[in-house]
């Protein structure tokens, strides 16, 4: 999971000039299976992506190639996620 946050001091106008390219490239990543889901943050300061990546290094490579990152307009927070392991308890007999 990657949480994108617009950097302090970056204006909406700066973001919007890059958004057409950002959206096209994000859709391409979705169509190739690298982006599974993406959401807007309700505070309007960024987005959340669920990526199909082997590890954080691959997730960094995917996100760093996008226009907003290349222009240093956003910060990223990477959180590795996986299956909810306690569900395995449901698979064993009591």
Protein backbone atom coordinates (compact mmCIF):
# COMPACT_ATOMS: atom_id res chain seq x y z
CA UNK A 1 0.00 0.00 0.00
CA UNK A 2 1.28 3.44 -0.86
CA UNK A 3 -0.08 6.61 0.71
CA UNK A 4 0.60 9.70 -1.41
CA UNK A 5 0.52 13.11 0.23
CA UNK A 6 0.98 16.42 -1.54
CA UNK A 7 4.07 18.15 -0.16
CA UNK A 8 3.60 21.25 1.97
CA UNK A 9 3.65 24.42 -0.11
CA UNK A 10 2.60 22.73 -3.34
CA UNK A 11 -0.45 24.40 -4.87
CA UNK A 12 -3.46 22.77 -6.45
CA UNK A 13 -2.49 24.46 -9.72
CA UNK A 14 0.92 22.78 -9.67
CA UNK A 15 -0.73 19.40 -9.15
CA UNK A 16 -3.38 19.94 -11.80
CA UNK A 17 -0.84 20.73 -14.51
CA UNK A 18 0.65 17.26 -14.02
CA UNK A 19 -2.60 15.32 -13.46
CA UNK A 20 -3.44 14.47 -17.09
CA UNK A 21 -0.14 12.60 -17.48
CA UNK A 22 -0.39 11.16 -13.96
CA UNK A 23 -3.86 9.75 -14.64
CA UNK A 24 -2.90 8.26 -18.02
CA UNK A 25 0.15 6.54 -16.57
CA UNK A 26 -1.80 5.33 -13.53
CA UNK A 27 -4.48 3.82 -15.77
CA UNK A 28 -1.75 2.10 -17.77
CA UNK A 29 -0.36 0.62 -14.53
CA UNK A 30 -3.88 -0.58 -13.67
CA UNK A 31 -4.29 -2.19 -17.09
CA UNK A 32 -0.96 -4.01 -16.70
CA UNK A 33 -1.93 -5.25 -13.23
CA UNK A 34 0.56 -3.24 -11.17
CA UNK A 35 -2.12 -1.02 -9.58
CA UNK A 36 -4.90 -3.15 -8.13
CA UNK A 37 -6.94 -0.36 -6.57
CA UNK A 38 -6.62 3.33 -5.93
CA UNK A 39 -8.56 5.82 -3.88
CA UNK A 40 -8.65 9.56 -3.29
CA UNK A 41 -7.92 10.72 0.22
CA UNK A 42 -10.98 12.37 1.72
CA UNK A 43 -8.83 15.27 2.92
CA UNK A 44 -7.95 16.11 -0.69
CA UNK A 45 -4.21 15.85 -0.04
CA UNK A 46 -3.39 12.79 -2.11
CA UNK A 47 -4.30 9.19 -2.85
CA UNK A 48 -3.88 5.62 -1.66
CA UNK A 49 -2.70 2.88 -4.01
CA UNK A 50 -2.80 -0.87 -3.55
CA UNK A 51 -0.01 -2.24 -5.72
CA UNK A 52 0.86 -5.70 -6.92
CA UNK A 53 4.58 -5.62 -6.13
CA UNK A 54 7.02 -8.25 -4.90
CA UNK A 55 8.51 -5.93 -2.30
CA UNK A 56 8.92 -2.29 -1.27
CA UNK A 57 11.75 -1.80 -3.78
CA UNK A 58 9.44 -2.69 -6.67
CA UNK A 59 6.68 -0.49 -5.21
CA UNK A 60 9.16 2.41 -5.03
CA UNK A 61 10.18 1.86 -8.64
CA UNK A 62 6.56 1.88 -9.79
CA UNK A 63 5.59 5.03 -7.90
CA UNK A 64 8.84 6.93 -8.53
CA UNK A 65 8.25 6.64 -12.30
CA UNK A 66 4.97 8.59 -12.14
CA UNK A 67 4.94 12.31 -13.07
CA UNK A 68 4.00 13.69 -9.63
CA UNK A 69 6.93 11.86 -8.05
CA UNK A 70 9.35 12.78 -10.84
CA UNK A 71 8.47 16.45 -10.30
CA UNK A 72 8.91 16.03 -6.50
CA UNK A 73 5.38 17.24 -5.72
CA UNK A 74 4.36 14.41 -3.38
CA UNK A 75 5.63 12.28 -0.52
CA UNK A 76 5.07 8.53 -0.33
CA UNK A 77 4.54 6.25 2.64
CA UNK A 78 4.97 2.56 1.85
CA UNK A 79 3.30 -0.13 3.95
CA UNK A 80 3.73 -3.80 3.03
CA UNK A 81 0.46 -5.68 3.40
CA UNK A 82 -0.57 -9.30 2.97
CA UNK A 83 -3.20 -11.81 3.96
CA UNK A 84 -4.80 -11.52 7.39
CA UNK A 85 -3.02 -14.45 8.98
CA UNK A 86 -5.32 -14.92 12.00
CA UNK A 87 -7.94 -16.18 9.53
CA UNK A 88 -5.94 -19.41 9.49
CA UNK A 89 -7.46 -20.13 12.88
CA UNK A 90 -10.80 -20.59 11.14
CA UNK A 91 -9.31 -23.36 9.03
CA UNK A 92 -8.33 -25.60 11.95
CA UNK A 93 -10.70 -27.83 13.87
CA UNK A 94 -11.44 -26.67 17.42
